[in-house]
Amino acid sequence: MQKRHSKLVILGSGPAGCSNSQRWRQHYNYVRPHSSLNYQSPFEYASKAA
């Protein structure tokens, strides 16, 4: 079984924090594979379901 580690990510505040959070959300929804979605990104999963 794979061991998972969580880490604290500080996004910052102001324009830099906003940019970092947008970049993270973009990666999470369009790039990062999710095991619960059969290792597809949410975008890929939704595209195939539509």
Protein backbone atom coordinates (compact mmCIF):
# COMPACT_ATOMS: atom_id res chain seq x y z
CA MET A 1 0.00 0.00 0.00
CA GLN A 2 1.28 3.43 -0.88
CA LYS A 3 1.97 5.77 2.00
CA ARG A 4 0.67 9.30 1.56
CA HIS A 5 2.10 12.42 3.09
CA SER A 6 0.29 15.65 3.50
CA LYS A 7 2.08 18.96 3.43
CA LEU A 8 1.15 22.49 4.21
CA VAL A 9 1.18 24.80 1.23
CA ILE A 10 1.21 28.51 1.93
CA LEU A 11 -0.29 30.32 -1.03
CA GLY A 12 0.39 33.85 0.18
CA SER A 13 -1.84 36.86 0.06
CA GLY A 14 -2.64 39.61 -2.37
CA PRO A 15 -2.05 39.18 -6.11
CA ALA A 16 0.64 36.53 -5.63
CA GLY A 17 -1.63 34.42 -3.44
CA CYS A 18 -4.47 34.72 -5.92
CA SER A 19 -2.21 33.67 -8.79
CA ASN A 20 -0.88 30.70 -6.81
CA SER A 21 -4.36 29.50 -5.85
CA GLN A 22 -5.58 29.81 -9.44
CA ARG A 23 -2.58 27.86 -10.69
CA TRP A 24 -3.15 25.14 -8.04
CA ARG A 25 -6.86 24.88 -8.89
CA GLN A 26 -6.04 24.64 -12.61
CA HIS A 27 -3.56 21.83 -11.97
CA TYR A 28 -5.94 20.01 -9.60
CA ASN A 29 -8.89 20.08 -12.01
CA TYR A 30 -7.21 19.78 -15.42
CA VAL A 31 -3.90 17.93 -14.93
CA ARG A 32 -3.75 15.91 -11.70
CA PRO A 33 -5.12 12.35 -12.02
CA HIS A 34 -7.57 11.28 -9.30
CA SER A 35 -7.71 7.63 -8.25
CA SER A 36 -11.48 7.87 -7.62
CA LEU A 37 -11.93 8.87 -11.28
CA ASN A 38 -9.93 5.91 -12.61
CA TYR A 39 -6.76 8.04 -12.70
CA GLN A 40 -8.22 10.75 -14.90
CA SER A 41 -8.35 14.45 -14.20
CA PRO A 42 -11.82 15.79 -13.35
CA PHE A 43 -11.79 17.59 -16.71
CA GLU A 44 -11.04 14.37 -18.61
CA TYR A 45 -13.70 12.50 -16.66
CA ALA A 46 -16.36 15.16 -17.30
CA SER A 47 -15.42 15.38 -20.99
CA LYS A 48 -15.95 11.64 -21.47
CA ALA A 49 -19.20 11.64 -19.47
CA ALA A 50 -20.78 14.40 -21.57
